[in-house]
PDB file of N, CA and C in Angstrom:
ATOM      1  N   MET A   1     -12.186  13.354   9.683  1.00  0.00           N
ATOM      2  CA  MET A   1     -11.791  12.020   9.675  1.00  0.00           C
ATOM      3  C   MET A   1     -10.265  11.776  10.206  1.00  0.00           C
ATOM      4  N   GLN A   2      -9.721  10.927  11.105  1.00  0.00           N
ATOM      5  CA  GLN A   2      -8.353  10.748  11.197  1.00  0.00           C
ATOM      6  C   GLN A   2      -7.833  10.074  10.410  1.00  0.00           C
ATOM      7  N   ASP A   3      -6.555  10.202   9.757  1.00  0.00           N
ATOM      8  CA  ASP A   3      -5.654  10.048   8.824  1.00  0.00           C
ATOM      9  C   ASP A   3      -5.013   8.376   9.323  1.00  0.00           C
ATOM     10  N   ILE A   4      -5.176   7.639   8.052  1.00  0.00           N
ATOM     11  CA  ILE A   4      -5.195   6.313   8.077  1.00  0.00           C
ATOM     12  C   ILE A   4      -3.475   6.199   8.110  1.00  0.00           C
ATOM     13  N   ILE A   5      -3.046   4.995   8.651  1.00  0.00           N
ATOM     14  CA  ILE A   5      -1.487   4.845   8.656  1.00  0.00           C
ATOM     15  C   ILE A   5      -1.044   4.898   7.101  1.00  0.00           C
ATOM     16  N   THR A   6      -0.396   5.436   6.663  1.00  0.00           N
ATOM     17  CA  THR A   6       0.627   5.621   4.953  1.00  0.00           C
ATOM     18  C   THR A   6       0.973   4.010   4.802  1.00  0.00           C
ATOM     19  N   GLU A   7       1.302   3.633   5.307  1.00  0.00           N
ATOM     20  CA  GLU A   7       1.587   2.270   4.952  1.00  0.00           C
ATOM     21  C   GLU A   7       0.879   0.715   4.875  1.00  0.00           C
ATOM     22  N   ILE A   8       0.435   0.066   4.052  1.00  0.00           N
ATOM     23  CA  ILE A   8       0.039  -1.233   4.308  1.00  0.00           C
ATOM     24  C   ILE A   8       0.875  -2.223   4.224  1.00  0.00           C
ATOM     25  N   ASN A   9       0.381  -3.455   4.530  1.00  0.00           N
ATOM     26  CA  ASN A   9       1.020  -4.499   4.184  1.00  0.00           C
ATOM     27  C   ASN A   9       0.025  -5.594   4.059  1.00  0.00           C
ATOM     28  N   SER A  10      -0.054  -6.421   2.926  1.00  0.00           N
ATOM     29  CA  SER A  10      -0.831  -7.173   2.496  1.00  0.00           C
ATOM     30  C   SER A  10       0.015  -8.392   2.833  1.00  0.00           C
ATOM     31  N   SER A  11      -1.035  -9.808   3.270  1.00  0.00           N
ATOM     32  CA  SER A  11      -0.346 -11.066   3.258  1.00  0.00           C
ATOM     33  C   SER A  11       0.737 -11.530   1.931  1.00  0.00           C
ATOM     34  N   ARG A  12       0.994 -10.636   1.170  1.00  0.00           N
ATOM     35  CA  ARG A  12       1.883 -11.183   0.139  1.00  0.00           C
ATOM     36  C   ARG A  12       2.936 -10.463   0.328  1.00  0.00           C
ATOM     37  N   GLY A  13       2.861  -9.793   1.242  1.00  0.00           N
ATOM     38  CA  GLY A  13       4.538  -8.602   1.966  1.00  0.00           C
ATOM     39  C   GLY A  13       4.890  -7.537   0.811  1.00  0.00           C
ATOM     40  N   SER A  14       3.370  -7.062   0.513  1.00  0.00           N
ATOM     41  CA  SER A  14       3.958  -5.687  -0.494  1.00  0.00           C
ATOM     42  C   SER A  14       3.525  -4.748   0.674  1.00  0.00           C
ATOM     43  N   SER A  15       4.076  -3.619   0.517  1.00  0.00           N
ATOM     44  CA  SER A  15       4.108  -2.336   1.452  1.00  0.00           C
ATOM     45  C   SER A  15       4.443  -1.040   0.321  1.00  0.00           C
ATOM     46  N   PHE A  16       3.217  -0.047   0.602  1.00  0.00           N
ATOM     47  CA  PHE A  16       3.515   1.059   0.042  1.00  0.00           C
ATOM     48  C   PHE A  16       3.840   2.492   1.206  1.00  0.00           C
ATOM     49  N   SER A  17       4.331   3.374   0.527  1.00  0.00           N
ATOM     50  CA  SER A  17       4.712   4.753   0.989  1.00  0.00           C
ATOM     51  C   SER A  17       4.156   5.554   0.218  1.00  0.00           C
ATOM     52  N   VAL A  18       3.491   6.922   1.142  1.00  0.00           N
ATOM     53  CA  VAL A  18       2.693   7.849   0.199  1.00  0.00           C
ATOM     54  C   VAL A  18       3.355   8.980   0.939  1.00  0.00           C
ATOM     55  N   TYR A  19       3.581   9.838   0.438  1.00  0.00           N
ATOM     56  CA  TYR A  19       4.400  11.030   0.600  1.00  0.00           C
ATOM     57  C   TYR A  19       4.536  12.317   0.014  1.00  0.00           C
ATOM     58  N   PRO A  20       5.040  13.339   0.284  1.00  0.00           N
ATOM     59  CA  PRO A  20       5.115  14.187   1.317  1.00  0.00           C
ATOM     60  C   PRO A  20       3.845  14.897   1.679  1.00  0.00           C
ATOM     61  N   ASN A  21       3.470  15.452   2.725  1.00  0.00           N
ATOM     62  CA  ASN A  21       2.490  15.885   3.174  1.00  0.00           C
ATOM     63  C   ASN A  21       2.971  17.221   4.559  1.00  0.00           C
ATOM     64  N   PRO A  22       2.551  18.523   3.966  1.00  0.00           N
ATOM     65  CA  PRO A  22       1.983  18.621   2.985  1.00  0.00           C
ATOM     66  C   PRO A  22       3.287  19.077   1.989  1.00  0.00           C
ATOM     67  N   LEU A  23       2.527  18.800   0.433  1.00  0.00           N
ATOM     68  CA  LEU A  23       2.910  19.072  -0.743  1.00  0.00           C
ATOM     69  C   LEU A  23       2.994  20.071  -1.650  1.00  0.00           C
ATOM     70  N   LYS A  24       3.905  20.553  -2.574  1.00  0.00           N
ATOM     71  CA  LYS A  24       4.088  21.652  -3.357  1.00  0.00           C
ATOM     72  C   LYS A  24       3.290  21.337  -4.662  1.00  0.00           C
ATOM     73  N   GLY A  25       4.270  19.987  -5.110  1.00  0.00           N
ATOM     74  CA  GLY A  25       3.842  19.832  -6.360  1.00  0.00           C
ATOM     75  C   GLY A  25       3.510  18.546  -6.666  1.00  0.00           C
ATOM     76  N   GLU A  26       4.197  17.265  -6.011  1.00  0.00           N
ATOM     77  CA  GLU A  26       4.202  16.383  -6.485  1.00  0.00           C
ATOM     78  C   GLU A  26       3.963  15.525  -5.243  1.00  0.00           C
ATOM     79  N   VAL A  27       3.023  14.237  -5.482  1.00  0.00           N
ATOM     80  CA  VAL A  27       2.889  13.245  -4.497  1.00  0.00           C
ATOM     81  C   VAL A  27       3.799  12.006  -5.312  1.00  0.00           C
ATOM     82  N   TYR A  28       4.630  11.181  -4.101  1.00  0.00           N
ATOM     83  CA  TYR A  28       5.049   9.756  -4.924  1.00  0.00           C
ATOM     84  C   TYR A  28       4.152   8.704  -3.448  1.00  0.00           C
ATOM     85  N   ILE A  29       4.494   7.709  -4.569  1.00  0.00           N
ATOM     86  CA  ILE A  29       3.793   6.547  -4.136  1.00  0.00           C
ATOM     87  C   ILE A  29       4.902   5.619  -4.453  1.00  0.00           C
ATOM     88  N   ASP A  30       5.695   4.940  -3.095  1.00  0.00           N
ATOM     89  CA  ASP A  30       6.440   3.889  -3.257  1.00  0.00           C
ATOM     90  C   ASP A  30       6.252   2.364  -2.812  1.00  0.00           C
ATOM     91  N   CYS A  31       6.350   1.532  -3.640  1.00  0.00           N
ATOM     92  CA  CYS A  31       5.959  -0.144  -3.669  1.00  0.00           C
ATOM     93  C   CYS A  31       7.348  -0.623  -3.368  1.00  0.00           C
ATOM     94  N   LYS A  32       7.428  -1.474  -2.506  1.00  0.00           N
ATOM     95  CA  LYS A  32       8.599  -2.290  -2.080  1.00  0.00           C
ATOM     96  C   LYS A  32       8.624  -3.474  -3.513  1.00  0.00           C
ATOM     97  N   THR A  33       7.741  -3.903  -3.697  1.00  0.00           N
ATOM     98  CA  THR A  33       7.565  -5.001  -5.040  1.00  0.00           C
ATOM     99  C   THR A  33       6.265  -4.222  -5.762  1.00  0.00           C
ATOM    100  N   GLU A  34       6.718  -5.029  -6.975  1.00  0.00           N
ATOM    101  CA  GLU A  34       5.429  -4.767  -8.176  1.00  0.00           C
ATOM    102  C   GLU A  34       4.096  -5.300  -7.765  1.00  0.00           C
ATOM    103  N   ILE A  35       3.016  -4.931  -7.981  1.00  0.00           N
ATOM    104  CA  ILE A  35       1.955  -5.572  -7.613  1.00  0.00           C
ATOM    105  C   ILE A  35       1.159  -5.111  -8.508  1.00  0.00           C
ATOM    106  N   PRO A  36       0.819  -6.047  -9.639  1.00  0.00           N
ATOM    107  CA  PRO A  36      -0.317  -6.296 -10.841  1.00  0.00           C
ATOM    108  C   PRO A  36      -1.561  -5.431 -10.499  1.00  0.00           C
ATOM    109  N   ASN A  37      -1.981  -5.729  -9.420  1.00  0.00           N
ATOM    110  CA  ASN A  37      -3.735  -4.899  -9.196  1.00  0.00           C
ATOM    111  C   ASN A  37      -3.597  -4.087  -8.468  1.00  0.00           C
ATOM    112  N   ALA A  38      -2.222  -3.294  -8.110  1.00  0.00           N
ATOM    113  CA  ALA A  38      -2.202  -2.169  -7.036  1.00  0.00           C
ATOM    114  C   ALA A  38      -2.672  -0.818  -8.255  1.00  0.00           C
ATOM    115  N   SER A  39      -3.590  -0.093  -7.640  1.00  0.00           N
ATOM    116  CA  SER A  39      -4.229   1.175  -8.383  1.00  0.00           C
ATOM    117  C   SER A  39      -4.295   2.417  -7.026  1.00  0.00           C
ATOM    118  N   CYS A  40      -4.084   3.570  -7.975  1.00  0.00           N
ATOM    119  CA  CYS A  40      -4.309   4.765  -6.633  1.00  0.00           C
ATOM    120  C   CYS A  40      -5.492   5.758  -7.482  1.00  0.00           C
ATOM    121  N   GLU A  41      -5.965   6.655  -6.688  1.00  0.00           N
ATOM    122  CA  GLU A  41      -7.003   7.370  -7.070  1.00  0.00           C
ATOM    123  C   GLU A  41      -6.999   8.523  -6.218  1.00  0.00           C
ATOM    124  N   VAL A  42      -7.404   9.881  -6.628  1.00  0.00           N
ATOM    125  CA  VAL A  42      -6.935  11.087  -6.174  1.00  0.00           C
ATOM    126  C   VAL A  42      -8.534  11.652  -6.123  1.00  0.00           C
ATOM    127  N   PHE A  43      -8.962  12.093  -5.074  1.00  0.00           N
ATOM    128  CA  PHE A  43     -10.303  12.747  -4.866  1.00  0.00           C
ATOM    129  C   PHE A  43     -10.369  14.273  -4.373  1.00  0.00           C
ATOM    130  N   ASP A  44     -11.008  15.165  -4.686  1.00  0.00           N
ATOM    131  CA  ASP A  44     -10.707  16.554  -4.146  1.00  0.00           C
ATOM    132  C   ASP A  44     -12.025  16.629  -2.892  1.00  0.00           C
ATOM    133  N   LEU A  45     -12.216  17.717  -2.325  1.00  0.00           N
ATOM    134  CA  LEU A  45     -12.905  17.336  -0.747  1.00  0.00           C
ATOM    135  C   LEU A  45     -14.372  17.061  -1.187  1.00  0.00           C
ATOM    136  N   LYS A  46     -15.084  16.969  -2.331  1.00  0.00           N
ATOM    137  CA  LYS A  46     -16.258  17.024  -2.494  1.00  0.00           C
ATOM    138  C   LYS A  46     -16.387  15.869  -3.260  1.00  0.00           C
ATOM    139  N   GLY A  47     -15.513  15.173  -2.943  1.00  0.00           N
ATOM    140  CA  GLY A  47     -15.425  13.735  -3.092  1.00  0.00           C
ATOM    141  C   GLY A  47     -15.541  13.117  -4.959  1.00  0.00           C
ATOM    142  N   HIS A  48     -15.164  14.134  -5.744  1.00  0.00           N
ATOM    143  CA  HIS A  48     -15.047  13.832  -6.866  1.00  0.00           C
ATOM    144  C   HIS A  48     -13.460  13.353  -7.247  1.00  0.00           C
ATOM    145  N   LEU A  49     -13.684  12.201  -8.460  1.00  0.00           N
ATOM    146  CA  LEU A  49     -12.497  11.539  -8.980  1.00  0.00           C
ATOM    147  C   LEU A  49     -11.815  12.743  -9.858  1.00  0.00           C
ATOM    148  N   ILE A  50     -10.421  12.974  -9.728  1.00  0.00           N
ATOM    149  CA  ILE A  50      -9.629  14.103 -10.163  1.00  0.00           C
ATOM    150  C   ILE A  50      -8.651  13.095 -10.854  1.00  0.00           C
ATOM    151  N   ALA A  51      -7.885  12.347 -10.215  1.00  0.00           N
ATOM    152  CA  ALA A  51      -6.992  11.515 -11.124  1.00  0.00           C
ATOM    153  C   ALA A  51      -6.888  10.061 -10.415  1.00  0.00           C
ATOM    154  N   GLY A  52      -6.727   9.165 -11.669  1.00  0.00           N
ATOM    155  CA  GLY A  52      -6.529   7.719 -11.139  1.00  0.00           C
ATOM    156  C   GLY A  52      -5.496   7.085 -11.958  1.00  0.00           C
ATOM    157  N   ASN A  53      -4.584   6.039 -11.567  1.00  0.00           N
ATOM    158  CA  ASN A  53      -3.867   5.386 -12.121  1.00  0.00           C
ATOM    159  C   ASN A  53      -4.523   3.682 -11.573  1.00  0.00           C
ATOM    160  N   LYS A  54      -4.586   2.913 -12.762  1.00  0.00           N
ATOM    161  CA  LYS A  54      -4.879   1.492 -12.670  1.00  0.00           C
ATOM    162  C   LYS A  54      -4.131   0.246 -12.470  1.00  0.00           C
ATOM    163  N   SER A  55      -2.951   1.088 -12.604  1.00  0.00           N
ATOM    164  CA  SER A  55      -2.143  -0.167 -12.030  1.00  0.00           C
ATOM    165  C   SER A  55      -0.571   0.627 -11.720  1.00  0.00           C
ATOM    166  N   LEU A  56       0.236   0.431 -10.551  1.00  0.00           N
ATOM    167  CA  LEU A  56       1.302   1.314  -9.900  1.00  0.00           C
ATOM    168  C   LEU A  56       2.433   0.373 -10.294  1.00  0.00           C
ATOM    169  N   SER A  57       3.491   1.266 -10.301  1.00  0.00           N
ATOM    170  CA  SER A  57       4.705   0.593 -10.454  1.00  0.00           C
ATOM    171  C   SER A  57       5.408   0.358  -9.329  1.00  0.00           C
ATOM    172  N   ILE A  58       6.977   0.510  -9.050  1.00  0.00           N
ATOM    173  CA  ILE A  58       7.567   0.764  -7.912  1.00  0.00           C
ATOM    174  C   ILE A  58       7.752   1.882  -6.974  1.00  0.00           C
ATOM    175  N   LYS A  59       8.320   2.758  -8.292  1.00  0.00           N
ATOM    176  CA  LYS A  59       7.986   4.317  -7.676  1.00  0.00           C
ATOM    177  C   LYS A  59       7.135   4.853  -8.691  1.00  0.00           C
ATOM    178  N   ASN A  60       6.267   5.873  -8.073  1.00  0.00           N
ATOM    179  CA  ASN A  60       5.227   6.527  -8.859  1.00  0.00           C
ATOM    180  C   ASN A  60       5.482   7.855  -8.521  1.00  0.00           C
ATOM    181  N   THR A  61       4.515   8.877  -9.583  1.00  0.00           N
ATOM    182  CA  THR A  61       4.318  10.190  -9.180  1.00  0.00           C
ATOM    183  C   THR A  61       3.361  10.812 -10.100  1.00  0.00           C
ATOM    184  N   ILE A  62       2.639  11.557  -8.782  1.00  0.00           N
ATOM    185  CA  ILE A  62       1.398  12.130  -9.328  1.00  0.00           C
ATOM    186  C   ILE A  62       1.471  13.900  -9.252  1.00  0.00           C
ATOM    187  N   SER A  63       1.469  14.285 -10.224  1.00  0.00           N
ATOM    188  CA  SER A  63       1.919  15.780 -10.417  1.00  0.00           C
ATOM    189  C   SER A  63       0.353  16.307  -9.904  1.00  0.00           C
ATOM    190  N   PHE A  64       0.674  17.441  -9.004  1.00  0.00           N
ATOM    191  CA  PHE A  64      -0.553  18.499  -8.360  1.00  0.00           C
ATOM    192  C   PHE A  64      -0.295  19.873  -8.697  1.00  0.00           C
ATOM    193  N   THR A  65       0.786  19.820 -10.049  1.00  0.00           N
ATOM    194  CA  THR A  65       0.917  21.250 -10.097  1.00  0.00           C
ATOM    195  C   THR A  65      -0.414  22.124 -10.747  1.00  0.00           C
ATOM    196  N   SER A  66      -1.220  21.166 -11.169  1.00  0.00           N
ATOM    197  CA  SER A  66      -2.369  21.848 -11.807  1.00  0.00           C
ATOM    198  C   SER A  66      -3.762  21.955 -11.443  1.00  0.00           C
ATOM    199  N   PHE A  67      -3.588  21.252 -10.030  1.00  0.00           N
ATOM    200  CA  PHE A  67      -4.761  21.435  -9.139  1.00  0.00           C
ATOM    201  C   PHE A  67      -4.462  22.516  -8.092  1.00  0.00           C
ATOM    202  N   PRO A  68      -5.492  23.038  -7.875  1.00  0.00           N
ATOM    203  CA  PRO A  68      -5.568  24.509  -6.932  1.00  0.00           C
ATOM    204  C   PRO A  68      -4.808  24.144  -5.577  1.00  0.00           C
ATOM    205  N   SER A  69      -4.719  24.907  -4.403  1.00  0.00           N
ATOM    206  CA  SER A  69      -4.481  24.742  -3.344  1.00  0.00           C
ATOM    207  C   SER A  69      -5.627  24.077  -2.207  1.00  0.00           C
ATOM    208  N   GLY A  70      -5.342  23.363  -1.525  1.00  0.00           N
ATOM    209  CA  GLY A  70      -6.724  22.896  -0.964  1.00  0.00           C
ATOM    210  C   GLY A  70      -6.082  21.605  -0.155  1.00  0.00           C
ATOM    211  N   MET A  71      -7.275  20.671   0.167  1.00  0.00           N
ATOM    212  CA  MET A  71      -7.111  19.336   0.764  1.00  0.00           C
ATOM    213  C   MET A  71      -7.427  18.530  -0.226  1.00  0.00           C
ATOM    214  N   TYR A  72      -6.766  17.139  -0.099  1.00  0.00           N
ATOM    215  CA  TYR A  72      -7.038  16.321  -1.349  1.00  0.00           C
ATOM    216  C   TYR A  72      -7.174  14.749  -0.393  1.00  0.00           C
ATOM    217  N   THR A  73      -7.732  13.714  -0.958  1.00  0.00           N
ATOM    218  CA  THR A  73      -7.622  12.707  -0.405  1.00  0.00           C
ATOM    219  C   THR A  73      -7.010  11.443  -1.671  1.00  0.00           C
ATOM    220  N   ILE A  74      -5.770  10.814  -1.127  1.00  0.00           N
ATOM    221  CA  ILE A  74      -5.788   9.591  -2.024  1.00  0.00           C
ATOM    222  C   ILE A  74      -5.855   8.651  -1.527  1.00  0.00           C
ATOM    223  N   LYS A  75      -6.152   7.393  -2.434  1.00  0.00           N
ATOM    224  CA  LYS A  75      -6.603   6.183  -2.079  1.00  0.00           C
ATOM    225  C   LYS A  75      -5.813   5.155  -2.735  1.00  0.00           C
ATOM    226  N   VAL A  76      -4.729   4.414  -2.293  1.00  0.00           N
ATOM    227  CA  VAL A  76      -4.103   3.624  -2.572  1.00  0.00           C
ATOM    228  C   VAL A  76      -4.818   1.926  -2.354  1.00  0.00           C
ATOM    229  N   CYS A  77      -4.929   1.012  -3.134  1.00  0.00           N
ATOM    230  CA  CYS A  77      -5.356  -0.150  -2.775  1.00  0.00           C
ATOM    231  C   CYS A  77      -4.538  -1.204  -3.691  1.00  0.00           C
ATOM    232  N   ASP A  78      -4.354  -2.418  -2.922  1.00  0.00           N
ATOM    233  CA  ASP A  78      -3.852  -3.645  -3.386  1.00  0.00           C
ATOM    234  C   ASP A  78      -4.281  -5.038  -3.828  1.00  0.00           C
ATOM    235  N   GLY A  79      -5.599  -4.593  -3.634  1.00  0.00           N
ATOM    236  CA  GLY A  79      -6.747  -5.652  -3.827  1.00  0.00           C
ATOM    237  C   GLY A  79      -7.155  -6.313  -2.771  1.00  0.00           C
ATOM    238  N   ASN A  80      -5.980  -6.144  -1.797  1.00  0.00           N
ATOM    239  CA  ASN A  80      -6.461  -6.922  -0.320  1.00  0.00           C
ATOM    240  C   ASN A  80      -6.971  -5.778   0.655  1.00  0.00           C
ATOM    241  N   ARG A  81      -5.696  -4.515   0.821  1.00  0.00           N
ATOM    242  CA  ARG A  81      -6.066  -3.434   1.587  1.00  0.00           C
ATOM    243  C   ARG A  81      -6.250  -2.163   0.865  1.00  0.00           C
ATOM    244  N   VAL A  82      -6.354  -0.896   1.393  1.00  0.00           N
ATOM    245  CA  VAL A  82      -6.904   0.237   1.216  1.00  0.00           C
ATOM    246  C   VAL A  82      -6.118   1.098   2.271  1.00  0.00           C
ATOM    247  N   VAL A  83      -5.585   2.035   1.580  1.00  0.00           N
ATOM    248  CA  VAL A  83      -5.128   3.143   2.550  1.00  0.00           C
ATOM    249  C   VAL A  83      -5.491   4.506   1.866  1.00  0.00           C
ATOM    250  N   ILE A  84      -6.131   4.933   3.131  1.00  0.00           N
ATOM    251  CA  ILE A  84      -6.751   6.624   2.489  1.00  0.00           C
ATOM    252  C   ILE A  84      -5.784   7.815   3.319  1.00  0.00           C
ATOM    253  N   LYS A  85      -5.257   8.714   2.598  1.00  0.00           N
ATOM    254  CA  LYS A  85      -4.519   9.961   3.451  1.00  0.00           C
ATOM    255  C   LYS A  85      -5.026  11.054   2.536  1.00  0.00           C
ATOM    256  N   LYS A  86      -5.085  11.931   3.575  1.00  0.00           N
ATOM    257  CA  LYS A  86      -5.500  13.178   3.167  1.00  0.00           C
ATOM    258  C   LYS A  86      -4.315  14.138   2.934  1.00  0.00           C
ATOM    259  N   PHE A  87      -4.096  14.915   1.880  1.00  0.00           N
ATOM    260  CA  PHE A  87      -2.965  15.805   1.669  1.00  0.00           C
ATOM    261  C   PHE A  87      -3.378  17.099   1.366  1.00  0.00           C
ATOM    262  N   LEU A  88      -2.431  18.160   1.740  1.00  0.00           N
ATOM    263  CA  LEU A  88      -2.680  19.465   1.794  1.00  0.00           C
ATOM    264  C   LEU A  88      -1.488  19.746   0.642  1.00  0.00           C
ATOM    265  N   LYS A  89      -2.209  20.670  -0.109  1.00  0.00           N
ATOM    266  CA  LYS A  89      -1.624  21.183  -1.328  1.00  0.00           C
ATOM    267  C   LYS A  89      -0.957  22.589  -1.208  1.00  0.00           C
ATOM    268  N   LEU A  90       0.072  23.218  -1.086  1.00  0.00           N
ATOM    269  CA  LEU A  90      -0.102  24.630  -0.713  1.00  0.00           C
ATOM    270  C   LEU A  90       0.508  25.243  -2.015  1.00  0.00           C
TER     271      LEU A  90
END
């Protein structure tokens, strides 16, 4: 699957940035504005949900320190659009 652009812009003008890739310990999700219905989920390669956050603030961090090395998928949704990004944890 080809990676999808890591920023999305909704009609309300929200914007998300998801970084870094590859990562060693944490992934960061930054929102330009706080969106009450924004959420994120992290999946392993088998599609199992391993972490979720029902609401995102402007600066967000998800720790991958307890996860083994490998590929993961993060899904960020603002109610209008969805970003899906693959990450490599070293």
